[in-house]
PDB file of all heavy atoms in Angstrom:
ATOM      1  N   LEU A   1     -10.503  24.369  26.923  1.00  0.00           N
ATOM      2  CA  LEU A   1     -10.130  25.666  27.528  1.00  0.00           C
ATOM      3  C   LEU A   1      -9.619  26.695  26.528  1.00  0.00           C
ATOM      4  O   LEU A   1      -9.439  27.856  26.883  1.00  0.00           O
ATOM      5  CB  LEU A   1      -9.083  25.412  28.611  1.00  0.00           C
ATOM      6  CG  LEU A   1      -9.561  24.551  29.774  1.00  0.00           C
ATOM      7  CD1 LEU A   1      -8.414  24.175  30.696  1.00  0.00           C
ATOM      8  CD2 LEU A   1     -10.661  25.259  30.552  1.00  0.00           C
ATOM      9  N   GLY A   2      -9.361  26.285  25.293  1.00  0.00           N
ATOM     10  CA  GLY A   2      -9.051  27.266  24.262  1.00  0.00           C
ATOM     11  C   GLY A   2      -7.646  27.822  24.252  1.00  0.00           C
ATOM     12  O   GLY A   2      -7.339  28.696  23.427  1.00  0.00           O
ATOM     13  N   PHE A   3      -6.759  27.342  25.122  1.00  0.00           N
ATOM     14  CA  PHE A   3      -5.381  27.842  25.094  1.00  0.00           C
ATOM     15  C   PHE A   3      -4.408  26.674  24.913  1.00  0.00           C
ATOM     16  O   PHE A   3      -4.802  25.518  24.878  1.00  0.00           O
ATOM     17  CB  PHE A   3      -5.028  28.642  26.345  1.00  0.00           C
ATOM     18  CG  PHE A   3      -5.210  27.942  27.655  1.00  0.00           C
ATOM     19  CD1 PHE A   3      -4.272  27.035  28.128  1.00  0.00           C
ATOM     20  CD2 PHE A   3      -6.309  28.197  28.458  1.00  0.00           C
ATOM     21  CE1 PHE A   3      -4.409  26.380  29.348  1.00  0.00           C
ATOM     22  CE2 PHE A   3      -6.475  27.556  29.687  1.00  0.00           C
ATOM     23  CZ  PHE A   3      -5.517  26.655  30.129  1.00  0.00           C
ATOM     24  N   SER A   4      -3.116  27.009  24.749  1.00  0.00           N
ATOM     25  CA  SER A   4      -2.074  26.010  24.481  1.00  0.00           C
ATOM     26  C   SER A   4      -2.442  25.162  23.242  1.00  0.00           C
ATOM     27  O   SER A   4      -2.256  23.956  23.236  1.00  0.00           O
ATOM     28  CB  SER A   4      -1.846  25.113  25.690  1.00  0.00           C
ATOM     29  OG  SER A   4      -1.300  25.849  26.764  1.00  0.00           O
ATOM     30  N   ALA A   5      -2.961  25.832  22.220  1.00  0.00           N
ATOM     31  CA  ALA A   5      -3.348  25.137  21.003  1.00  0.00           C
ATOM     32  C   ALA A   5      -2.115  24.662  20.236  1.00  0.00           C
ATOM     33  O   ALA A   5      -1.101  25.345  20.182  1.00  0.00           O
ATOM     34  CB  ALA A   5      -4.193  26.044  20.125  1.00  0.00           C
ATOM     35  N   CYS A   6      -2.226  23.499  19.673  1.00  0.00           N
ATOM     36  CA  CYS A   6      -1.166  22.945  18.819  1.00  0.00           C
ATOM     37  C   CYS A   6      -1.801  21.893  17.943  1.00  0.00           C
ATOM     38  O   CYS A   6      -3.007  21.647  18.000  1.00  0.00           O
ATOM     39  CB  CYS A   6      -0.018  22.356  19.648  1.00  0.00           C
ATOM     40  SG  CYS A   6      -0.500  20.922  20.658  1.00  0.00           S
ATOM     41  N   ARG A   7      -0.986  21.262  17.104  1.00  0.00           N
ATOM     42  CA  ARG A   7      -1.477  20.171  16.287  1.00  0.00           C
ATOM     43  C   ARG A   7      -0.430  19.063  16.261  1.00  0.00           C
ATOM     44  O   ARG A   7       0.747  19.313  16.457  1.00  0.00           O
ATOM     45  CB  ARG A   7      -1.768  20.655  14.868  1.00  0.00           C
ATOM     46  CG  ARG A   7      -0.584  21.317  14.165  1.00  0.00           C
ATOM     47  CD  ARG A   7      -1.039  22.074  12.899  1.00  0.00           C
ATOM     48  NE  ARG A   7       0.091  22.677  12.225  1.00  0.00           N
ATOM     49  CZ  ARG A   7       0.614  23.864  12.520  1.00  0.00           C
ATOM     50  NH1 ARG A   7       0.079  24.593  13.491  1.00  0.00           N
ATOM     51  NH2 ARG A   7       1.628  24.358  11.839  1.00  0.00           N
ATOM     52  N   LEU A   8      -0.886  17.845  16.072  1.00  0.00           N
ATOM     53  CA  LEU A   8       0.019  16.705  15.912  1.00  0.00           C
ATOM     54  C   LEU A   8       0.073  16.385  14.426  1.00  0.00           C
ATOM     55  O   LEU A   8      -0.957  16.070  13.810  1.00  0.00           O
ATOM     56  CB  LEU A   8      -0.474  15.504  16.709  1.00  0.00           C
ATOM     57  CG  LEU A   8       0.052  15.390  18.149  1.00  0.00           C
ATOM     58  CD1 LEU A   8      -0.475  16.531  18.996  1.00  0.00           C
ATOM     59  CD2 LEU A   8      -0.288  14.054  18.762  1.00  0.00           C
ATOM     60  N   SER A   9       1.275  16.468  13.882  1.00  0.00           N
ATOM     61  CA  SER A   9       1.417  16.347  12.438  1.00  0.00           C
ATOM     62  C   SER A   9       2.549  15.406  12.052  1.00  0.00           C
ATOM     63  O   SER A   9       3.507  15.204  12.811  1.00  0.00           O
ATOM     64  CB  SER A   9       1.685  17.716  11.822  1.00  0.00           C
ATOM     65  OG  SER A   9       0.586  18.584  11.989  1.00  0.00           O
ATOM     66  N   LEU A  10       2.438  14.886  10.859  1.00  0.00           N
ATOM     67  CA  LEU A  10       3.509  14.117  10.236  1.00  0.00           C
ATOM     68  C   LEU A  10       4.393  15.080   9.451  1.00  0.00           C
ATOM     69  O   LEU A  10       3.881  15.993   8.777  1.00  0.00           O
ATOM     70  CB  LEU A  10       2.922  13.057   9.291  1.00  0.00           C
ATOM     71  CG  LEU A  10       2.293  11.848   9.973  1.00  0.00           C
ATOM     72  CD1 LEU A  10       1.294  11.171   9.050  1.00  0.00           C
ATOM     73  CD2 LEU A  10       3.378  10.860  10.416  1.00  0.00           C
ATOM     74  N   ALA A  11       5.706  14.889   9.546  1.00  0.00           N
ATOM     75  CA  ALA A  11       6.643  15.730   8.829  1.00  0.00           C
ATOM     76  C   ALA A  11       7.721  14.860   8.205  1.00  0.00           C
ATOM     77  O   ALA A  11       8.126  13.842   8.778  1.00  0.00           O
ATOM     78  CB  ALA A  11       7.263  16.772   9.763  1.00  0.00           C
ATOM     79  N   VAL A  12       8.191  15.275   7.043  1.00  0.00           N
ATOM     80  CA  VAL A  12       9.212  14.505   6.310  1.00  0.00           C
ATOM     81  C   VAL A  12      10.344  15.446   5.933  1.00  0.00           C
ATOM     82  O   VAL A  12      10.172  16.677   5.940  1.00  0.00           O
ATOM     83  CB  VAL A  12       8.606  13.864   5.037  1.00  0.00           C
ATOM     84  CG1 VAL A  12       7.443  12.966   5.391  1.00  0.00           C
ATOM     85  CG2 VAL A  12       8.190  14.927   4.034  1.00  0.00           C
ATOM     86  N   PRO A  13      11.533  14.909   5.593  1.00  0.00           N
ATOM     87  CA  PRO A  13      12.625  15.764   5.103  1.00  0.00           C
ATOM     88  C   PRO A  13      12.178  16.557   3.891  1.00  0.00           C
ATOM     89  O   PRO A  13      11.388  16.090   3.060  1.00  0.00           O
ATOM     90  CB  PRO A  13      13.724  14.762   4.754  1.00  0.00           C
ATOM     91  CG  PRO A  13      13.460  13.595   5.669  1.00  0.00           C
ATOM     92  CD  PRO A  13      11.962  13.512   5.747  1.00  0.00           C
ATOM     93  N   ARG A  14      12.692  17.782   3.771  1.00  0.00           N
ATOM     94  CA  ARG A  14      12.267  18.685   2.710  1.00  0.00           C
ATOM     95  C   ARG A  14      12.454  18.066   1.320  1.00  0.00           C
ATOM     96  O   ARG A  14      11.668  18.319   0.402  1.00  0.00           O
ATOM     97  CB  ARG A  14      13.047  20.000   2.818  1.00  0.00           C
ATOM     98  CG  ARG A  14      12.534  21.103   1.919  1.00  0.00           C
ATOM     99  CD  ARG A  14      13.328  22.387   2.097  1.00  0.00           C
ATOM    100  NE  ARG A  14      13.169  22.925   3.440  1.00  0.00           N
ATOM    101  CZ  ARG A  14      14.140  22.961   4.357  1.00  0.00           C
ATOM    102  NH1 ARG A  14      15.328  22.461   4.086  1.00  0.00           N
ATOM    103  NH2 ARG A  14      13.913  23.480   5.557  1.00  0.00           N
ATOM    104  N   ASP A  15      13.501  17.257   1.151  1.00  0.00           N
ATOM    105  CA  ASP A  15      13.788  16.696  -0.165  1.00  0.00           C
ATOM    106  C   ASP A  15      13.300  15.250  -0.316  1.00  0.00           C
ATOM    107  O   ASP A  15      13.778  14.495  -1.162  1.00  0.00           O
ATOM    108  CB  ASP A  15      15.302  16.744  -0.431  1.00  0.00           C
ATOM    109  CG  ASP A  15      16.097  15.992   0.623  1.00  0.00           C
ATOM    110  OD1 ASP A  15      15.487  15.471   1.605  1.00  0.00           O
ATOM    111  OD2 ASP A  15      17.353  15.924   0.511  1.00  0.00           O
ATOM    112  N   ALA A  16      12.306  14.859   0.481  1.00  0.00           N
ATOM    113  CA  ALA A  16      11.854  13.454   0.500  1.00  0.00           C
ATOM    114  C   ALA A  16      11.002  13.074  -0.692  1.00  0.00           C
ATOM    115  O   ALA A  16      10.753  11.896  -0.944  1.00  0.00           O
ATOM    116  CB  ALA A  16      11.083  13.170   1.792  1.00  0.00           C
ATOM    117  N   GLY A  17      10.510  14.050  -1.439  1.00  0.00           N
ATOM    118  CA  GLY A  17       9.653  13.753  -2.558  1.00  0.00           C
ATOM    119  C   GLY A  17       8.307  13.200  -2.137  1.00  0.00           C
ATOM    120  O   GLY A  17       7.801  12.231  -2.706  1.00  0.00           O
ATOM    121  N   TYR A  18       7.701  13.817  -1.128  1.00  0.00           N
ATOM    122  CA  TYR A  18       6.437  13.338  -0.579  1.00  0.00           C
ATOM    123  C   TYR A  18       5.334  13.435  -1.616  1.00  0.00           C
ATOM    124  O   TYR A  18       5.149  14.459  -2.270  1.00  0.00           O
ATOM    125  CB  TYR A  18       6.072  14.171   0.653  1.00  0.00           C
ATOM    126  CG  TYR A  18       4.806  13.729   1.334  1.00  0.00           C
ATOM    127  CD1 TYR A  18       4.790  12.587   2.108  1.00  0.00           C
ATOM    128  CD2 TYR A  18       3.615  14.454   1.187  1.00  0.00           C
ATOM    129  CE1 TYR A  18       3.620  12.157   2.733  1.00  0.00           C
ATOM    130  CE2 TYR A  18       2.466  14.031   1.813  1.00  0.00           C
ATOM    131  CZ  TYR A  18       2.465  12.878   2.580  1.00  0.00           C
ATOM    132  OH  TYR A  18       1.316  12.453   3.191  1.00  0.00           O
ATOM    133  N   THR A  19       4.562  12.355  -1.767  1.00  0.00           N
ATOM    134  CA  THR A  19       3.501  12.289  -2.765  1.00  0.00           C
ATOM    135  C   THR A  19       2.119  12.025  -2.177  1.00  0.00           C
ATOM    136  O   THR A  19       1.123  11.958  -2.901  1.00  0.00           O
ATOM    137  CB  THR A  19       3.811  11.175  -3.786  1.00  0.00           C
ATOM    138  OG1 THR A  19       4.007   9.943  -3.095  1.00  0.00           O
ATOM    139  CG2 THR A  19       5.055  11.512  -4.595  1.00  0.00           C
ATOM    140  N   GLY A  20       2.021  11.848  -0.872  1.00  0.00           N
ATOM    141  CA  GLY A  20       0.747  11.537  -0.256  1.00  0.00           C
ATOM    142  C   GLY A  20       0.931  10.513   0.852  1.00  0.00           C
ATOM    143  O   GLY A  20       2.033  10.045   1.100  1.00  0.00           O
ATOM    144  N   LEU A  21      -0.155  10.157   1.520  1.00  0.00           N
ATOM    145  CA  LEU A  21      -0.064   9.272   2.685  1.00  0.00           C
ATOM    146  C   LEU A  21       0.592   7.932   2.375  1.00  0.00           C
ATOM    147  O   LEU A  21       1.257   7.349   3.239  1.00  0.00           O
ATOM    148  CB  LEU A  21      -1.471   9.025   3.276  1.00  0.00           C
ATOM    149  CG  LEU A  21      -1.987  10.076   4.278  1.00  0.00           C
ATOM    150  CD1 LEU A  21      -3.394   9.733   4.701  1.00  0.00           C
ATOM    151  CD2 LEU A  21      -1.059  10.171   5.488  1.00  0.00           C
ATOM    152  N   ARG A  22       0.425   7.428   1.149  1.00  0.00           N
ATOM    153  CA  ARG A  22       1.027   6.149   0.802  1.00  0.00           C
ATOM    154  C   ARG A  22       2.544   6.190   0.889  1.00  0.00           C
ATOM    155  O   ARG A  22       3.218   5.140   0.936  1.00  0.00           O
ATOM    156  CB  ARG A  22       0.612   5.692  -0.596  1.00  0.00           C
ATOM    157  CG  ARG A  22      -0.883   5.555  -0.835  1.00  0.00           C
ATOM    158  CD  ARG A  22      -1.606   4.732   0.183  1.00  0.00           C
ATOM    159  NE  ARG A  22      -1.067   3.408   0.408  1.00  0.00           N
ATOM    160  CZ  ARG A  22      -1.527   2.543   1.288  1.00  0.00           C
ATOM    161  NH1 ARG A  22      -2.546   2.869   2.058  1.00  0.00           N
ATOM    162  NH2 ARG A  22      -0.966   1.360   1.434  1.00  0.00           N
ATOM    163  N   TRP A  23       3.122   7.386   0.894  1.00  0.00           N
ATOM    164  CA  TRP A  23       4.577   7.555   1.022  1.00  0.00           C
ATOM    165  C   TRP A  23       5.081   6.864   2.302  1.00  0.00           C
ATOM    166  O   TRP A  23       6.212   6.391   2.344  1.00  0.00           O
ATOM    167  CB  TRP A  23       4.933   9.038   1.046  1.00  0.00           C
ATOM    168  CG  TRP A  23       6.393   9.336   1.096  1.00  0.00           C
ATOM    169  CD1 TRP A  23       7.237   9.553   0.059  1.00  0.00           C
ATOM    170  CD2 TRP A  23       7.206   9.490   2.293  1.00  0.00           C
ATOM    171  NE1 TRP A  23       8.518   9.812   0.489  1.00  0.00           N
ATOM    172  CE2 TRP A  23       8.525   9.776   1.863  1.00  0.00           C
ATOM    173  CE3 TRP A  23       6.953   9.385   3.651  1.00  0.00           C
ATOM    174  CZ2 TRP A  23       9.577   9.976   2.762  1.00  0.00           C
ATOM    175  CZ3 TRP A  23       7.982   9.569   4.555  1.00  0.00           C
ATOM    176  CH2 TRP A  23       9.285   9.856   4.114  1.00  0.00           C
ATOM    177  N   PHE A  24       4.252   6.837   3.340  1.00  0.00           N
ATOM    178  CA  PHE A  24       4.661   6.280   4.635  1.00  0.00           C
ATOM    179  C   PHE A  24       4.678   4.750   4.668  1.00  0.00           C
ATOM    180  O   PHE A  24       5.142   4.165   5.641  1.00  0.00           O
ATOM    181  CB  PHE A  24       3.766   6.813   5.748  1.00  0.00           C
ATOM    182  CG  PHE A  24       3.931   8.286   6.011  1.00  0.00           C
ATOM    183  CD1 PHE A  24       3.042   9.208   5.508  1.00  0.00           C
ATOM    184  CD2 PHE A  24       5.016   8.750   6.751  1.00  0.00           C
ATOM    185  CE1 PHE A  24       3.208  10.563   5.729  1.00  0.00           C
ATOM    186  CE2 PHE A  24       5.201  10.093   6.992  1.00  0.00           C
ATOM    187  CZ  PHE A  24       4.280  11.006   6.469  1.00  0.00           C
ATOM    188  N   GLU A  25       4.153   4.119   3.642  1.00  0.00           N
ATOM    189  CA  GLU A  25       4.123   2.661   3.602  1.00  0.00           C
ATOM    190  C   GLU A  25       5.533   2.087   3.759  1.00  0.00           C
ATOM    191  O   GLU A  25       6.466   2.444   3.015  1.00  0.00           O
ATOM    192  CB  GLU A  25       3.526   2.180   2.297  1.00  0.00           C
ATOM    193  CG  GLU A  25       3.283   0.699   2.211  1.00  0.00           C
ATOM    194  CD  GLU A  25       2.102   0.237   3.074  1.00  0.00           C
ATOM    195  OE1 GLU A  25       1.193   1.061   3.356  1.00  0.00           O
ATOM    196  OE2 GLU A  25       2.106  -0.938   3.469  1.00  0.00           O
ATOM    197  N   ASN A  26       5.700   1.225   4.761  1.00  0.00           N
ATOM    198  CA  ASN A  26       6.974   0.564   5.063  1.00  0.00           C
ATOM    199  C   ASN A  26       8.092   1.532   5.459  1.00  0.00           C
ATOM    200  O   ASN A  26       9.270   1.165   5.434  1.00  0.00           O
ATOM    201  CB  ASN A  26       7.444  -0.295   3.880  1.00  0.00           C
ATOM    202  CG  ASN A  26       6.467  -1.408   3.580  1.00  0.00           C
ATOM    203  OD1 ASN A  26       5.905  -2.024   4.482  1.00  0.00           O
ATOM    204  ND2 ASN A  26       6.230  -1.657   2.285  1.00  0.00           N
ATOM    205  N   ARG A  27       7.726   2.745   5.836  1.00  0.00           N
ATOM    206  CA  ARG A  27       8.726   3.711   6.324  1.00  0.00           C
ATOM    207  C   ARG A  27       8.792   3.638   7.841  1.00  0.00           C
ATOM    208  O   ARG A  27       7.862   3.172   8.512  1.00  0.00           O
ATOM    209  CB  ARG A  27       8.357   5.125   5.902  1.00  0.00           C
ATOM    210  CG  ARG A  27       8.119   5.306   4.426  1.00  0.00           C
ATOM    211  CD  ARG A  27       9.362   5.648   3.676  1.00  0.00           C
ATOM    212  NE  ARG A  27       9.068   5.985   2.284  1.00  0.00           N
ATOM    213  CZ  ARG A  27       9.944   6.440   1.420  1.00  0.00           C
ATOM    214  NH1 ARG A  27      11.198   6.617   1.800  1.00  0.00           N
ATOM    215  NH2 ARG A  27       9.588   6.700   0.172  1.00  0.00           N
ATOM    216  N   ARG A  28       9.867   4.156   8.388  1.00  0.00           N
ATOM    217  CA  ARG A  28      10.025   4.244   9.849  1.00  0.00           C
ATOM    218  C   ARG A  28       9.689   5.667  10.285  1.00  0.00           C
ATOM    219  O   ARG A  28      10.272   6.639   9.764  1.00  0.00           O
ATOM    220  CB  ARG A  28      11.435   3.878  10.274  1.00  0.00           C
ATOM    221  CG  ARG A  28      11.645   4.015  11.786  1.00  0.00           C
ATOM    222  CD  ARG A  28      13.078   3.710  12.197  1.00  0.00           C
ATOM    223  NE  ARG A  28      13.379   2.293  12.086  1.00  0.00           N
ATOM    224  CZ  ARG A  28      14.539   1.765  12.446  1.00  0.00           C
ATOM    225  NH1 ARG A  28      15.508   2.532  12.921  1.00  0.00           N
ATOM    226  NH2 ARG A  28      14.732   0.473  12.325  1.00  0.00           N
ATOM    227  N   VAL A  29       8.778   5.790  11.246  1.00  0.00           N
ATOM    228  CA  VAL A  29       8.344   7.103  11.719  1.00  0.00           C
ATOM    229  C   VAL A  29       8.630   7.220  13.208  1.00  0.00           C
ATOM    230  O   VAL A  29       8.181   6.388  14.002  1.00  0.00           O
ATOM    231  CB  VAL A  29       6.832   7.326  11.457  1.00  0.00           C
ATOM    232  CG1 VAL A  29       6.439   8.751  11.878  1.00  0.00           C
ATOM    233  CG2 VAL A  29       6.501   7.105   9.983  1.00  0.00           C
ATOM    234  N   ALA A  30       9.358   8.254  13.606  1.00  0.00           N
ATOM    235  CA  ALA A  30       9.697   8.465  15.007  1.00  0.00           C
ATOM    236  C   ALA A  30       8.647   9.373  15.668  1.00  0.00           C
ATOM    237  O   ALA A  30       8.197  10.348  15.072  1.00  0.00           O
ATOM    238  CB  ALA A  30      11.067   9.129  15.125  1.00  0.00           C
ATOM    239  N   THR A  31       8.255   9.034  16.881  1.00  0.00           N
ATOM    240  CA  THR A  31       7.226   9.800  17.567  1.00  0.00           C
ATOM    241  C   THR A  31       7.237   9.553  19.068  1.00  0.00           C
ATOM    242  O   THR A  31       7.704   8.515  19.527  1.00  0.00           O
ATOM    243  CB  THR A  31       5.814   9.483  17.019  1.00  0.00           C
ATOM    244  OG1 THR A  31       4.856  10.333  17.637  1.00  0.00           O
ATOM    245  CG2 THR A  31       5.459   8.024  17.272  1.00  0.00           C
ATOM    246  N   SER A  32       6.665  10.496  19.798  1.00  0.00           N
ATOM    247  CA  SER A  32       6.387  10.293  21.236  1.00  0.00           C
ATOM    248  C   SER A  32       4.904   9.978  21.441  1.00  0.00           C
ATOM    249  O   SER A  32       4.461   9.854  22.587  1.00  0.00           O
ATOM    250  CB  SER A  32       6.760  11.571  22.015  1.00  0.00           C
ATOM    251  OG  SER A  32       8.128  11.874  21.859  1.00  0.00           O
ATOM    252  N   TYR A  33       4.160   9.860  20.332  1.00  0.00           N
ATOM    253  CA  TYR A  33       2.730   9.598  20.403  1.00  0.00           C
ATOM    254  C   TYR A  33       2.371   8.383  19.550  1.00  0.00           C
ATOM    255  O   TYR A  33       1.634   8.478  18.546  1.00  0.00           O
ATOM    256  CB  TYR A  33       1.943  10.836  19.930  1.00  0.00           C
ATOM    257  CG  TYR A  33       2.176  12.045  20.810  1.00  0.00           C
ATOM    258  CD1 TYR A  33       3.183  12.949  20.527  1.00  0.00           C
ATOM    259  CD2 TYR A  33       1.401  12.251  21.957  1.00  0.00           C
ATOM    260  CE1 TYR A  33       3.420  14.052  21.352  1.00  0.00           C
ATOM    261  CE2 TYR A  33       1.632  13.342  22.777  1.00  0.00           C
ATOM    262  CZ  TYR A  33       2.638  14.228  22.471  1.00  0.00           C
ATOM    263  OH  TYR A  33       2.870  15.309  23.279  1.00  0.00           O
ATOM    264  N   PRO A  34       2.886   7.205  19.922  1.00  0.00           N
ATOM    265  CA  PRO A  34       2.679   6.025  19.087  1.00  0.00           C
ATOM    266  C   PRO A  34       1.218   5.573  18.984  1.00  0.00           C
ATOM    267  O   PRO A  34       0.809   5.067  17.931  1.00  0.00           O
ATOM    268  CB  PRO A  34       3.536   4.959  19.770  1.00  0.00           C
ATOM    269  CG  PRO A  34       3.648   5.434  21.207  1.00  0.00           C
ATOM    270  CD  PRO A  34       3.693   6.915  21.111  1.00  0.00           C
ATOM    271  N   ASN A  35       0.438   5.715  20.042  1.00  0.00           N
ATOM    272  CA  ASN A  35      -0.936   5.246  20.007  1.00  0.00           C
ATOM    273  C   ASN A  35      -1.792   6.047  19.021  1.00  0.00           C
ATOM    274  O   ASN A  35      -2.581   5.465  18.261  1.00  0.00           O
ATOM    275  CB  ASN A  35      -1.563   5.282  21.394  1.00  0.00           C
ATOM    276  CG  ASN A  35      -0.951   4.257  22.338  1.00  0.00           C
ATOM    277  OD1 ASN A  35      -0.499   3.186  21.890  1.00  0.00           O
ATOM    278  ND2 ASN A  35      -0.903   4.550  23.606  1.00  0.00           N
ATOM    279  N   ILE A  36      -1.642   7.362  19.048  1.00  0.00           N
ATOM    280  CA  ILE A  36      -2.413   8.209  18.132  1.00  0.00           C
ATOM    281  C   ILE A  36      -1.997   7.912  16.696  1.00  0.00           C
ATOM    282  O   ILE A  36      -2.849   7.770  15.806  1.00  0.00           O
ATOM    283  CB  ILE A  36      -2.184   9.694  18.454  1.00  0.00           C
ATOM    284  CG1 ILE A  36      -2.757  10.035  19.838  1.00  0.00           C
ATOM    285  CG2 ILE A  36      -2.844  10.587  17.386  1.00  0.00           C
ATOM    286  CD1 ILE A  36      -2.440  11.449  20.306  1.00  0.00           C
ATOM    287  N   LEU A  37      -0.687   7.786  16.465  1.00  0.00           N
ATOM    288  CA  LEU A  37      -0.202   7.538  15.115  1.00  0.00           C
ATOM    289  C   LEU A  37      -0.615   6.150  14.625  1.00  0.00           C
ATOM    290  O   LEU A  37      -1.011   5.980  13.463  1.00  0.00           O
ATOM    291  CB  LEU A  37       1.317   7.683  15.066  1.00  0.00           C
ATOM    292  CG  LEU A  37       1.970   7.513  13.700  1.00  0.00           C
ATOM    293  CD1 LEU A  37       1.388   8.493  12.693  1.00  0.00           C
ATOM    294  CD2 LEU A  37       3.467   7.645  13.791  1.00  0.00           C
ATOM    295  N   ARG A  38      -0.521   5.158  15.494  1.00  0.00           N
ATOM    296  CA  ARG A  38      -0.890   3.795  15.110  1.00  0.00           C
ATOM    297  C   ARG A  38      -2.363   3.739  14.672  1.00  0.00           C
ATOM    298  O   ARG A  38      -2.718   3.091  13.660  1.00  0.00           O
ATOM    299  CB  ARG A  38      -0.636   2.836  16.276  1.00  0.00           C
ATOM    300  CG  ARG A  38      -0.755   1.366  15.927  1.00  0.00           C
ATOM    301  CD  ARG A  38      -0.326   0.497  17.090  1.00  0.00           C
ATOM    302  NE  ARG A  38       1.103   0.618  17.378  1.00  0.00           N
ATOM    303  CZ  ARG A  38       1.617   1.200  18.461  1.00  0.00           C
ATOM    304  NH1 ARG A  38       0.791   1.706  19.396  1.00  0.00           N
ATOM    305  NH2 ARG A  38       2.912   1.273  18.638  1.00  0.00           N
ATOM    306  N   LYS A  39      -3.220   4.413  15.416  1.00  0.00           N
ATOM    307  CA  LYS A  39      -4.634   4.447  15.078  1.00  0.00           C
ATOM    308  C   LYS A  39      -4.859   5.155  13.738  1.00  0.00           C
ATOM    309  O   LYS A  39      -5.654   4.703  12.912  1.00  0.00           O
ATOM    310  CB  LYS A  39      -5.412   5.163  16.190  1.00  0.00           C
ATOM    311  CG  LYS A  39      -6.915   5.232  15.937  1.00  0.00           C
ATOM    312  CD  LYS A  39      -7.630   5.927  17.096  1.00  0.00           C
ATOM    313  CE  LYS A  39      -9.129   6.007  16.850  1.00  0.00           C
ATOM    314  NZ  LYS A  39      -9.833   6.727  17.944  1.00  0.00           N
ATOM    315  N   PHE A  40      -4.142   6.242  13.508  1.00  0.00           N
ATOM    316  CA  PHE A  40      -4.283   7.003  12.267  1.00  0.00           C
ATOM    317  C   PHE A  40      -3.852   6.164  11.070  1.00  0.00           C
ATOM    318  O   PHE A  40      -4.565   6.077  10.060  1.00  0.00           O
ATOM    319  CB  PHE A  40      -3.431   8.278  12.343  1.00  0.00           C
ATOM    320  CG  PHE A  40      -3.432   9.089  11.074  1.00  0.00           C
ATOM    321  CD1 PHE A  40      -4.520   9.879  10.735  1.00  0.00           C
ATOM    322  CD2 PHE A  40      -2.331   9.052  10.218  1.00  0.00           C
ATOM    323  CE1 PHE A  40      -4.527  10.636   9.563  1.00  0.00           C
ATOM    324  CE2 PHE A  40      -2.336   9.798   9.036  1.00  0.00           C
ATOM    325  CZ  PHE A  40      -3.425  10.603   8.721  1.00  0.00           C
TER     326      PHE A  40
END
């Protein structure tokens, strides 16, 4: 329908020193969308 557009994204603390997706290895991620994230 083209409205109510949004995106589902991963976000980290500003000072986390993010280096790429491998940063999430063994980390705890909070979400209301566990199935989408688990598949990703």
